[in-house]
Amino acid sequence: MLPIPTKFFVTSGKAVSKISDLNAFDQALLAGGLSEQNIVSVSSVLPVGVRQTRRRQLPMGAITHCVLAQQRGGEGETIAAGIAYGFRDDSHGGYVAEGHMYGTKRSLKEIMEWKMGEMAKLRGIKFRRIHYLIEELSIPMDHYGACLAALVFMV
């Protein structure tokens, strides 16, 4: 039988670096508590019975499954990355959407609302409530930047 997550937490981070966008992303992972993980991106289904918990310290090198949104950029740009998640009103699990863009948190939230609305429409369901975690960063001159948001699964 395949493992089914029983818990999840959400986290985010943002950072700038004078060296590269990869270094900025590494610092954003550090800010989000995910810098020592082997991240495996997964799609967007919250299993029946999964429950949200507080952000946890994870063991170094753990294979960590998550829905990850990231955006990297350069000097003078405004970037945003985020996730939206919600549980079905019929208690049959839920869904997660990720998004990223050159733009503002406000613009990204509007896009995330459309994505979650389309997920509900395609499945003929309604969400109890939709939660958002979105990071925005205005990158200073002579720097690179990165934003990330993640929903991290735990068994």
N, C-alpha and C. Protein backbone atom coordinates (compact mmCIF):
# COMPACT_ATOMS: atom_id res chain seq x y z
N MET A 1 0.84 -1.17 0.00
CA MET A 1 0.00 0.00 0.00
C MET A 1 0.89 1.25 0.00
N LEU A 2 0.48 2.25 -0.72
CA LEU A 2 1.22 3.49 -0.77
C LEU A 2 0.93 4.36 0.45
N PRO A 3 1.94 5.10 0.92
CA PRO A 3 1.70 5.97 2.08
C PRO A 3 0.74 7.12 1.74
N ILE A 4 -0.16 7.40 2.65
CA ILE A 4 -1.08 8.51 2.49
C ILE A 4 -0.78 9.50 3.61
N PRO A 5 -0.54 10.76 3.25
CA PRO A 5 -0.23 11.75 4.28
C PRO A 5 -1.37 11.89 5.29
N THR A 6 -0.99 12.08 6.55
CA THR A 6 -1.98 12.27 7.61
C THR A 6 -1.96 13.70 8.14
N LYS A 7 -0.86 14.41 7.86
CA LYS A 7 -0.70 15.78 8.35
C LYS A 7 -0.02 16.63 7.28
N PHE A 8 -0.21 17.93 7.40
CA PHE A 8 0.51 18.86 6.54
C PHE A 8 0.72 20.17 7.29
N PHE A 9 1.70 20.93 6.83
CA PHE A 9 1.86 22.30 7.31
C PHE A 9 2.18 23.18 6.12
N VAL A 10 1.96 24.46 6.29
CA VAL A 10 2.28 25.41 5.23
C VAL A 10 3.41 26.31 5.71
N THR A 11 4.22 26.72 4.77
CA THR A 11 5.37 27.56 5.09
C THR A 11 5.72 28.42 3.89
N SER A 12 6.52 29.43 4.12
CA SER A 12 6.94 30.30 3.01
C SER A 12 8.24 30.99 3.38
N GLY A 13 8.83 31.60 2.38
CA GLY A 13 10.06 32.35 2.60
C GLY A 13 10.37 33.23 1.41
N LYS A 14 11.20 34.21 1.62
CA LYS A 14 11.67 35.07 0.55
C LYS A 14 13.05 35.58 0.94
N ALA A 15 13.85 35.89 -0.09
CA ALA A 15 15.22 36.33 0.19
C ALA A 15 15.83 36.97 -1.05
N VAL A 16 16.89 37.72 -0.80
CA VAL A 16 17.68 38.31 -1.89
C VAL A 16 19.13 37.88 -1.74
N SER A 17 19.85 37.92 -2.87
CA SER A 17 21.26 37.57 -2.90
C SER A 17 21.96 38.42 -3.94
N LYS A 18 23.19 38.79 -3.66
CA LYS A 18 23.99 39.50 -4.66
C LYS A 18 24.65 38.53 -5.63
N ILE A 19 24.65 37.23 -5.31
CA ILE A 19 25.38 36.23 -6.10
C ILE A 19 24.55 35.69 -7.26
N SER A 20 23.37 35.12 -6.96
CA SER A 20 22.55 34.50 -8.01
C SER A 20 21.13 34.27 -7.52
N ASP A 21 20.23 33.99 -8.47
CA ASP A 21 18.86 33.67 -8.07
C ASP A 21 18.80 32.32 -7.35
N LEU A 22 19.71 31.40 -7.68
CA LEU A 22 19.76 30.13 -6.97
C LEU A 22 20.14 30.32 -5.50
N ASN A 23 21.08 31.22 -5.23
CA ASN A 23 21.44 31.52 -3.84
C ASN A 23 20.29 32.19 -3.11
N ALA A 24 19.55 33.05 -3.80
CA ALA A 24 18.37 33.67 -3.19
C ALA A 24 17.32 32.61 -2.88
N PHE A 25 17.12 31.66 -3.80
CA PHE A 25 16.18 30.57 -3.57
C PHE A 25 16.60 29.72 -2.37
N ASP A 26 17.89 29.43 -2.27
CA ASP A 26 18.41 28.66 -1.14
C ASP A 26 18.11 29.39 0.18
N GLN A 27 18.31 30.70 0.19
CA GLN A 27 18.02 31.48 1.40
C GLN A 27 16.52 31.51 1.70
N ALA A 28 15.68 31.55 0.65
CA ALA A 28 14.23 31.52 0.85
C ALA A 28 13.81 30.16 1.43
N LEU A 29 14.43 29.08 0.95
CA LEU A 29 14.18 27.76 1.54
C LEU A 29 14.57 27.73 3.02
N LEU A 30 15.69 28.34 3.34
CA LEU A 30 16.14 28.43 4.74
C LEU A 30 15.10 29.18 5.57
N ALA A 31 14.61 30.30 5.05
CA ALA A 31 13.59 31.08 5.77
C ALA A 31 12.31 30.27 5.98
N GLY A 32 11.99 29.40 5.02
CA GLY A 32 10.79 28.57 5.12
C GLY A 32 10.99 27.27 5.86
N GLY A 33 12.22 27.00 6.34
CA GLY A 33 12.50 25.78 7.08
C GLY A 33 12.64 24.54 6.21
N LEU A 34 12.94 24.73 4.91
CA LEU A 34 13.04 23.60 3.99
C LEU A 34 14.41 23.45 3.35
N SER A 35 15.42 24.16 3.83
CA SER A 35 16.72 24.18 3.15
C SER A 35 17.51 22.88 3.28
N GLU A 36 17.18 22.05 4.24
CA GLU A 36 17.92 20.81 4.45
C GLU A 36 17.14 19.59 3.98
N GLN A 37 16.15 19.81 3.12
CA GLN A 37 15.28 18.72 2.66
C GLN A 37 15.57 18.35 1.22
N ASN A 38 15.24 17.13 0.86
CA ASN A 38 15.21 16.68 -0.53
C ASN A 38 13.75 16.79 -0.97
N ILE A 39 13.44 17.89 -1.63
CA ILE A 39 12.05 18.21 -1.95
C ILE A 39 11.59 17.47 -3.19
N VAL A 40 10.43 16.84 -3.06
CA VAL A 40 9.77 16.17 -4.17
C VAL A 40 8.44 16.89 -4.39
N SER A 41 8.28 17.48 -5.56
CA SER A 41 7.03 18.18 -5.86
C SER A 41 5.93 17.17 -6.17
N VAL A 42 4.77 17.42 -5.59
CA VAL A 42 3.59 16.59 -5.83
C VAL A 42 2.46 17.48 -6.30
N SER A 43 1.40 16.84 -6.79
CA SER A 43 0.26 17.61 -7.26
C SER A 43 -0.61 18.05 -6.10
N SER A 44 -1.87 18.20 -6.31
CA SER A 44 -2.65 19.09 -5.48
C SER A 44 -3.80 18.48 -4.70
N VAL A 45 -3.69 17.24 -4.25
CA VAL A 45 -4.81 16.60 -3.56
C VAL A 45 -4.53 16.48 -2.07
N LEU A 46 -5.48 16.97 -1.27
CA LEU A 46 -5.44 16.79 0.19
C LEU A 46 -6.29 15.56 0.52
N PRO A 47 -5.67 14.48 1.04
CA PRO A 47 -6.42 13.25 1.29
C PRO A 47 -7.50 13.42 2.36
N VAL A 48 -8.49 12.56 2.30
CA VAL A 48 -9.53 12.53 3.32
C VAL A 48 -8.87 12.30 4.68
N GLY A 49 -9.24 13.08 5.67
CA GLY A 49 -8.73 12.89 7.03
C GLY A 49 -7.41 13.59 7.33
N VAL A 50 -6.75 14.16 6.34
CA VAL A 50 -5.50 14.87 6.60
C VAL A 50 -5.80 16.09 7.46
N ARG A 51 -4.87 16.42 8.36
CA ARG A 51 -5.10 17.58 9.21
C ARG A 51 -3.88 18.51 9.20
N GLN A 52 -4.17 19.77 9.33
CA GLN A 52 -3.10 20.77 9.35
C GLN A 52 -2.47 20.83 10.72
N THR A 53 -1.15 21.00 10.74
CA THR A 53 -0.40 21.11 11.98
C THR A 53 0.54 22.31 11.88
N ARG A 54 1.19 22.63 12.97
CA ARG A 54 2.19 23.71 12.96
C ARG A 54 3.42 23.27 12.18
N ARG A 55 4.15 24.26 11.69
CA ARG A 55 5.40 23.97 10.99
C ARG A 55 6.31 23.16 11.89
N ARG A 56 6.90 22.13 11.33
CA ARG A 56 7.76 21.23 12.09
C ARG A 56 9.19 21.29 11.59
N GLN A 57 10.10 20.99 12.46
CA GLN A 57 11.51 20.79 12.08
C GLN A 57 11.59 19.39 11.48
N LEU A 58 12.13 19.28 10.30
CA LEU A 58 12.23 17.99 9.62
C LEU A 58 13.68 17.50 9.65
N PRO A 59 13.91 16.19 9.66
CA PRO A 59 15.28 15.68 9.71
C PRO A 59 16.06 16.03 8.44
N MET A 60 17.32 16.35 8.61
CA MET A 60 18.17 16.69 7.47
C MET A 60 18.20 15.55 6.47
N GLY A 61 18.01 15.91 5.20
CA GLY A 61 18.08 14.94 4.12
C GLY A 61 16.80 14.16 3.87
N ALA A 62 15.75 14.44 4.63
CA ALA A 62 14.50 13.71 4.46
C ALA A 62 13.91 13.97 3.07
N ILE A 63 13.32 12.94 2.48
CA ILE A 63 12.58 13.12 1.23
C ILE A 63 11.24 13.72 1.64
N THR A 64 11.03 14.94 1.21
CA THR A 64 9.90 15.74 1.68
C THR A 64 8.97 16.06 0.51
N HIS A 65 7.75 15.55 0.59
CA HIS A 65 6.76 15.78 -0.46
C HIS A 65 6.01 17.08 -0.18
N CYS A 66 5.92 17.93 -1.20
CA CYS A 66 5.20 19.17 -1.00
C CYS A 66 4.68 19.74 -2.32
N VAL A 67 3.65 20.55 -2.20
CA VAL A 67 3.20 21.38 -3.30
C VAL A 67 3.99 22.67 -3.15
N LEU A 68 4.83 22.97 -4.13
CA LEU A 68 5.78 24.08 -4.01
C LEU A 68 5.55 25.09 -5.12
N ALA A 69 5.43 26.35 -4.74
CA ALA A 69 5.39 27.46 -5.69
C ALA A 69 6.65 28.28 -5.47
N GLN A 70 7.31 28.64 -6.56
CA GLN A 70 8.51 29.47 -6.44
C GLN A 70 8.59 30.44 -7.61
N GLN A 71 9.15 31.60 -7.34
CA GLN A 71 9.42 32.58 -8.38
C GLN A 71 10.75 33.22 -8.08
N ARG A 72 11.57 33.35 -9.10
CA ARG A 72 12.87 34.00 -8.98
C ARG A 72 12.89 35.20 -9.91
N GLY A 73 13.70 36.20 -9.54
CA GLY A 73 13.78 37.37 -10.38
C GLY A 73 15.06 38.14 -10.17
N GLY A 74 15.17 39.25 -10.91
CA GLY A 74 16.35 40.10 -10.85
C GLY A 74 16.03 41.51 -10.42
N GLU A 75 17.06 42.32 -10.40
CA GLU A 75 16.98 43.68 -9.86
C GLU A 75 15.81 44.47 -10.44
N GLY A 76 15.14 45.18 -9.55
CA GLY A 76 14.05 46.06 -9.94
C GLY A 76 12.72 45.37 -10.18
N GLU A 77 12.67 44.04 -10.10
CA GLU A 77 11.43 43.32 -10.35
C GLU A 77 10.66 43.07 -9.06
N THR A 78 9.36 42.96 -9.19
CA THR A 78 8.50 42.54 -8.10
C THR A 78 8.00 41.15 -8.46
N ILE A 79 8.19 40.22 -7.54
CA ILE A 79 7.80 38.83 -7.79
C ILE A 79 6.89 38.35 -6.66
N ALA A 80 6.13 37.30 -6.96
CA ALA A 80 5.25 36.72 -5.95
C ALA A 80 5.12 35.22 -6.21
N ALA A 81 4.96 34.46 -5.13
CA ALA A 81 4.71 33.02 -5.20
C ALA A 81 3.76 32.67 -4.06
N GLY A 82 2.85 31.75 -4.32
CA GLY A 82 1.91 31.40 -3.27
C GLY A 82 1.16 30.12 -3.52
N ILE A 83 0.45 29.70 -2.49
CA ILE A 83 -0.43 28.55 -2.57
C ILE A 83 -1.80 28.94 -2.03
N ALA A 84 -2.81 28.23 -2.50
CA ALA A 84 -4.17 28.33 -1.98
C ALA A 84 -4.61 26.90 -1.72
N TYR A 85 -5.35 26.70 -0.64
CA TYR A 85 -5.81 25.34 -0.35
C TYR A 85 -7.15 25.39 0.37
N GLY A 86 -7.94 24.37 0.14
CA GLY A 86 -9.25 24.32 0.77
C GLY A 86 -9.79 22.90 0.79
N PHE A 87 -10.66 22.66 1.76
CA PHE A 87 -11.31 21.36 1.90
C PHE A 87 -12.72 21.43 1.32
N ARG A 88 -13.11 20.34 0.69
CA ARG A 88 -14.44 20.24 0.11
C ARG A 88 -15.50 20.34 1.21
N ASP A 89 -16.64 20.91 0.87
CA ASP A 89 -17.70 21.01 1.88
C ASP A 89 -18.39 19.68 2.14
N ASP A 90 -18.12 18.64 1.31
CA ASP A 90 -18.68 17.32 1.56
C ASP A 90 -17.72 16.41 2.34
N SER A 91 -16.62 16.99 2.86
CA SER A 91 -15.63 16.29 3.69
C SER A 91 -14.86 15.19 2.95
N HIS A 92 -14.79 15.25 1.63
CA HIS A 92 -14.03 14.27 0.85
C HIS A 92 -12.68 14.85 0.43
N GLY A 93 -11.91 15.29 1.40
CA GLY A 93 -10.57 15.81 1.12
C GLY A 93 -10.59 17.24 0.63
N GLY A 94 -9.53 17.60 -0.10
CA GLY A 94 -9.42 18.97 -0.58
C GLY A 94 -8.37 19.08 -1.67
N TYR A 95 -8.05 20.32 -2.01
CA TYR A 95 -7.15 20.58 -3.13
C TYR A 95 -6.25 21.78 -2.83
N VAL A 96 -5.14 21.80 -3.54
CA VAL A 96 -4.14 22.87 -3.40
C VAL A 96 -3.83 23.40 -4.80
N ALA A 97 -3.67 24.70 -4.91
CA ALA A 97 -3.21 25.32 -6.16
C ALA A 97 -1.98 26.14 -5.84
N GLU A 98 -1.02 26.10 -6.73
CA GLU A 98 0.17 26.93 -6.57
C GLU A 98 0.22 27.95 -7.70
N GLY A 99 0.89 29.06 -7.42
CA GLY A 99 1.02 30.10 -8.44
C GLY A 99 2.28 30.91 -8.22
N HIS A 100 2.74 31.52 -9.30
CA HIS A 100 3.92 32.38 -9.23
C HIS A 100 3.85 33.37 -10.38
N MET A 101 4.44 34.54 -10.19
CA MET A 101 4.38 35.55 -11.24
C MET A 101 5.35 36.69 -10.98
N TYR A 102 5.61 37.44 -12.03
CA TYR A 102 6.23 38.75 -11.89
C TYR A 102 5.07 39.68 -11.63
N GLY A 103 4.93 40.15 -10.41
CA GLY A 103 3.80 40.99 -10.04
C GLY A 103 3.61 40.99 -8.54
N THR A 104 2.45 41.45 -8.13
CA THR A 104 2.17 41.67 -6.71
C THR A 104 1.40 40.52 -6.08
N LYS A 105 1.42 40.52 -4.77
CA LYS A 105 0.65 39.56 -3.97
C LYS A 105 -0.83 39.66 -4.29
N ARG A 106 -1.30 40.87 -4.43
CA ARG A 106 -2.72 41.10 -4.72
C ARG A 106 -3.11 40.49 -6.07
N SER A 107 -2.27 40.71 -7.08
CA SER A 107 -2.55 40.14 -8.41
C SER A 107 -2.52 38.62 -8.37
N LEU A 108 -1.55 38.07 -7.65
CA LEU A 108 -1.45 36.61 -7.56
C LEU A 108 -2.64 36.03 -6.82
N LYS A 109 -3.10 36.69 -5.78
CA LYS A 109 -4.27 36.16 -5.05
C LYS A 109 -5.49 36.08 -5.96
N GLU A 110 -5.65 37.06 -6.81
CA GLU A 110 -6.78 37.04 -7.76
C GLU A 110 -6.66 35.83 -8.69
N ILE A 111 -5.48 35.56 -9.19
CA ILE A 111 -5.26 34.40 -10.05
C ILE A 111 -5.52 33.10 -9.28
N MET A 112 -5.06 33.05 -8.03
CA MET A 112 -5.28 31.85 -7.21
C MET A 112 -6.78 31.62 -6.96
N GLU A 113 -7.52 32.69 -6.76
CA GLU A 113 -8.97 32.57 -6.61
C GLU A 113 -9.59 31.95 -7.85
N TRP A 114 -9.15 32.37 -9.03
CA TRP A 114 -9.67 31.79 -10.28
C TRP A 114 -9.31 30.31 -10.37
N LYS A 115 -8.07 29.97 -10.02
CA LYS A 115 -7.65 28.57 -10.09
C LYS A 115 -8.48 27.69 -9.18
N MET A 116 -8.68 28.11 -7.96
CA MET A 116 -9.47 27.32 -7.02
C MET A 116 -10.92 27.23 -7.49
N GLY A 117 -11.44 28.32 -8.03
CA GLY A 117 -12.80 28.32 -8.57
C GLY A 117 -12.96 27.33 -9.70
N GLU A 118 -11.96 27.26 -10.57
CA GLU A 118 -12.01 26.31 -11.69
C GLU A 118 -11.91 24.87 -11.19
N MET A 119 -11.06 24.62 -10.18
CA MET A 119 -10.97 23.28 -9.60
C MET A 119 -12.34 22.84 -9.08
N ALA A 120 -13.02 23.73 -8.37
CA ALA A 120 -14.34 23.42 -7.82
C ALA A 120 -15.35 23.19 -8.93
N LYS A 121 -15.33 24.03 -9.93
CA LYS A 121 -16.28 23.92 -11.04
C LYS A 121 -16.12 22.60 -11.78
N LEU A 122 -14.87 22.22 -12.09
CA LEU A 122 -14.62 20.97 -12.81
C LEU A 122 -15.10 19.75 -12.04
N ARG A 123 -15.05 19.80 -10.72
CA ARG A 123 -15.42 18.66 -9.89
C ARG A 123 -16.86 18.73 -9.38
N GLY A 124 -17.53 19.87 -9.62
CA GLY A 124 -18.90 20.04 -9.14
C GLY A 124 -18.98 20.09 -7.63
N ILE A 125 -17.98 20.74 -7.01
CA ILE A 125 -17.94 20.81 -5.53
C ILE A 125 -17.85 22.26 -5.08
N LYS A 126 -17.95 22.44 -3.78
CA LYS A 126 -17.72 23.75 -3.15
C LYS A 126 -16.68 23.56 -2.05
N PHE A 127 -15.94 24.63 -1.79
CA PHE A 127 -14.98 24.62 -0.71
C PHE A 127 -15.60 25.23 0.54
N ARG A 128 -15.25 24.66 1.70
CA ARG A 128 -15.68 25.26 2.98
C ARG A 128 -15.10 26.65 3.11
N ARG A 129 -13.79 26.73 2.89
CA ARG A 129 -13.05 27.98 3.00
C ARG A 129 -11.75 27.80 2.24
N ILE A 130 -11.27 28.85 1.63
CA ILE A 130 -9.99 28.78 0.92
C ILE A 130 -8.97 29.61 1.71
N HIS A 131 -7.81 29.00 1.96
CA HIS A 131 -6.72 29.65 2.67
C HIS A 131 -5.63 30.02 1.67
N TYR A 132 -4.96 31.14 1.92
CA TYR A 132 -3.90 31.61 1.02
C TYR A 132 -2.62 31.87 1.82
N LEU A 133 -1.51 31.54 1.21
CA LEU A 133 -0.20 31.92 1.74
C LEU A 133 0.61 32.41 0.54
N ILE A 134 0.84 33.72 0.49
CA ILE A 134 1.49 34.33 -0.66
C ILE A 134 2.61 35.24 -0.18
N GLU A 135 3.77 35.10 -0.80
CA GLU A 135 4.92 35.97 -0.52
C GLU A 135 5.13 36.91 -1.71
N GLU A 136 5.49 38.15 -1.42
CA GLU A 136 5.83 39.14 -2.44
C GLU A 136 7.19 39.74 -2.10
N LEU A 137 7.96 40.05 -3.13
CA LEU A 137 9.29 40.62 -2.91
C LEU A 137 9.59 41.63 -4.01
N SER A 138 9.98 42.84 -3.61
CA SER A 138 10.52 43.84 -4.54
C SER A 138 12.03 43.74 -4.44
N ILE A 139 12.66 43.36 -5.53
CA ILE A 139 14.09 43.06 -5.52
C ILE A 139 14.90 44.35 -5.72
N PRO A 140 15.83 44.63 -4.79
CA PRO A 140 16.65 45.85 -4.92
C PRO A 140 17.64 45.74 -6.08
N MET A 141 18.14 46.88 -6.50
CA MET A 141 19.13 46.91 -7.57
C MET A 141 20.36 46.11 -7.16
N ASP A 142 21.03 45.53 -8.13
CA ASP A 142 22.23 44.73 -7.93
C ASP A 142 21.99 43.48 -7.09
N HIS A 143 20.77 42.95 -7.13
CA HIS A 143 20.42 41.75 -6.38
C HIS A 143 19.57 40.82 -7.24
N TYR A 144 19.49 39.59 -6.79
CA TYR A 144 18.54 38.60 -7.29
C TYR A 144 17.59 38.31 -6.15
N GLY A 145 16.42 37.77 -6.47
CA GLY A 145 15.48 37.46 -5.41
C GLY A 145 14.71 36.19 -5.69
N ALA A 146 14.12 35.65 -4.64
CA ALA A 146 13.29 34.45 -4.76
C ALA A 146 12.21 34.46 -3.68
N CYS A 147 11.03 34.00 -4.07
CA CYS A 147 9.90 33.81 -3.14
C CYS A 147 9.45 32.35 -3.29
N LEU A 148 8.97 31.79 -2.19
CA LEU A 148 8.39 30.46 -2.25
C LEU A 148 7.29 30.33 -1.23
N ALA A 149 6.37 29.43 -1.54
CA ALA A 149 5.34 29.01 -0.60
C ALA A 149 5.15 27.52 -0.81
N ALA A 150 4.90 26.79 0.28
CA ALA A 150 4.79 25.34 0.16
C ALA A 150 3.77 24.78 1.15
N LEU A 151 3.11 23.73 0.71
CA LEU A 151 2.28 22.91 1.58
C LEU A 151 3.02 21.59 1.67
N VAL A 152 3.49 21.26 2.88
CA VAL A 152 4.37 20.12 3.10
C VAL A 152 3.59 18.98 3.74
N PHE A 153 3.66 17.80 3.11
CA PHE A 153 2.96 16.62 3.60
C PHE A 153 3.83 15.81 4.55
N MET A 154 3.19 15.19 5.53
CA MET A 154 3.87 14.28 6.45
C MET A 154 3.01 13.04 6.62
N VAL A 155 3.66 11.88 6.74
CA VAL A 155 2.92 10.62 6.93
C VAL A 155 2.76 10.37 8.40
